[in-house]
Structures are given as C-alpha cells and as structure tokens.
Protein backbone atom coordinates (compact mmCIF):
# COMPACT_ATOMS: atom_id res chain seq x y z
CA MET A 1 0.00 0.00 0.00
CA THR A 2 1.39 3.39 -0.91
CA GLU A 3 1.46 6.21 1.57
CA GLY A 4 -1.02 9.01 0.87
CA ARG A 5 0.16 12.54 0.18
CA ASP A 6 0.49 14.71 3.27
CA LEU A 7 -1.77 17.53 2.14
CA MET A 8 -2.07 19.04 5.63
CA GLY A 9 1.70 19.39 6.14
CA GLU A 10 1.75 17.19 9.25
CA ARG A 11 5.34 16.09 8.64
CA PHE A 12 6.52 19.70 8.83
CA LYS A 13 5.29 20.21 12.41
CA THR A 14 8.56 18.81 13.73
CA TYR A 15 10.75 21.00 11.49
CA SER A 16 12.85 23.69 13.12
CA VAL A 17 13.42 27.04 11.44
CA ALA A 18 16.87 25.77 10.47
CA ASP A 19 15.23 22.76 8.77
CA PHE A 20 12.95 25.04 6.73
CA VAL A 21 15.84 27.33 5.83
CA GLY A 22 17.87 24.32 4.68
CA GLN A 23 14.99 23.06 2.55
CA CYS A 24 14.54 26.50 0.96
CA ARG A 25 18.24 26.75 0.17
CA MET A 26 18.21 23.24 -1.29
CA GLN A 27 15.23 24.13 -3.49
CA ALA A 28 16.97 27.33 -4.58
CA ARG A 29 20.12 25.42 -5.48
CA ASP A 30 18.45 22.50 -7.25
CA ASN A 31 15.74 24.30 -9.21
CA LEU A 32 16.29 25.35 -12.82
CA ASP A 33 13.88 28.30 -12.69
CA PRO A 34 16.02 31.34 -11.75
CA GLU A 35 13.06 33.34 -10.38
CA TYR A 36 11.94 30.46 -8.16
CA SER A 37 15.53 29.97 -7.00
CA ALA A 38 15.85 33.66 -6.12
CA PHE A 39 12.51 33.53 -4.26
CA MET A 40 13.51 30.48 -2.20
CA SER A 41 16.87 32.02 -1.37
CA ALA A 42 15.22 35.29 -0.26
CA LEU A 43 12.66 33.32 1.78
CA ALA A 44 15.44 31.44 3.56
CA SER A 45 17.22 34.70 4.39
CA LYS A 46 14.01 36.31 5.70
CA MET A 47 13.28 33.29 7.89
CA GLU A 48 16.78 33.52 9.39
CA GLN A 49 16.25 37.22 10.12
CA LEU A 50 12.86 36.54 11.71
CA GLU A 51 14.30 33.77 13.86
CA LYS A 52 17.11 36.05 15.07
CA ALA A 53 14.69 38.87 15.90
CA THR A 54 12.26 36.53 17.65
CA ARG A 55 15.06 34.95 19.67
CA GLY A 56 16.28 38.42 20.70
CA ALA A 57 12.78 39.47 21.73
CA GLY A 58 12.39 36.29 23.77
CA HIS A 59 15.69 36.89 25.55
CA ALA A 60 14.70 40.50 26.27
CA LEU A 61 11.35 39.43 27.72
CA ARG A 62 13.05 36.83 29.92
CA SER A 63 15.43 39.55 31.08
CA TYR A 64 12.48 41.77 32.04
CA GLN A 65 10.85 38.82 33.77
CA HIS A 66 13.86 38.67 36.08
CA GLY A 67 13.83 42.38 36.94
CA ASN A 68 15.93 44.03 34.23
CA ALA A 69 14.40 47.37 33.27
CA SER A 70 16.82 48.26 30.47
CA THR A 71 15.27 50.80 28.12
CA GLU A 72 18.30 50.41 25.83
CA LEU A 73 17.59 46.69 25.42
CA ALA A 74 13.92 47.35 24.73
CA GLU A 75 14.81 49.94 22.10
CA ALA A 76 17.39 47.72 20.39
CA VAL A 77 15.07 44.71 20.23
CA ALA A 78 12.11 46.80 19.03
CA ASN A 79 14.28 48.40 16.32
CA GLU A 80 15.52 45.03 15.08
CA CYS A 81 11.98 43.60 14.96
CA GLU A 82 10.73 46.65 13.03
CA ILE A 83 13.58 46.37 10.52
CA VAL A 84 12.97 42.66 9.94
CA LEU A 85 9.21 43.09 9.60
CA ALA A 86 9.46 46.19 7.40
CA VAL A 87 8.09 45.86 3.91
CA SER A 88 9.69 47.96 1.21
CA LYS A 89 7.29 50.41 -0.32
C-alpha cells in the first residue's frame, strides 16, 4: 500500500526554522527556474532574520521577567523587529 500525500503538512510540524531554511536553500540550489531559486533564497534569508529577531525578543522578555528594566535593550530589540518586519514600499 502506498502512503497518501500529506496535504495538511503534518510532517513539517517537527521541522525547526533551520530545517525550513535548509529546505529552501536546497530548493533554490536544485531548481532550474532562476526566479523560483531567487525567491527560495530570499525566503530562507528572511526566515533567518525573523528567527534572530524573535530569539532576541524572547531573551529580552526573559530579562524583564527577572527584573531588568533596560530601556536600551527594549529599544534595540524593538528596532531590530521593526527592521525585519518592514516591507519595502
């Protein structure tokens, strides 16, 4: 019996961001369509930026949880998140 297609993406629930980035880079490298390759490469880079910003925000929140009231940290993390989430107009 053949395994049915995973249309709901269940197998991806266990993927880390690094796994997704690796898959995007592999698709970018192995695909013959230059536009698709550029898209997958850009997607991988954006996911890495989002992971870094999210990790920084999480560390900052944990720091505040333990009594740190650093306005400089809050500003730096907020700035990085805004840069990563910014959409060019």
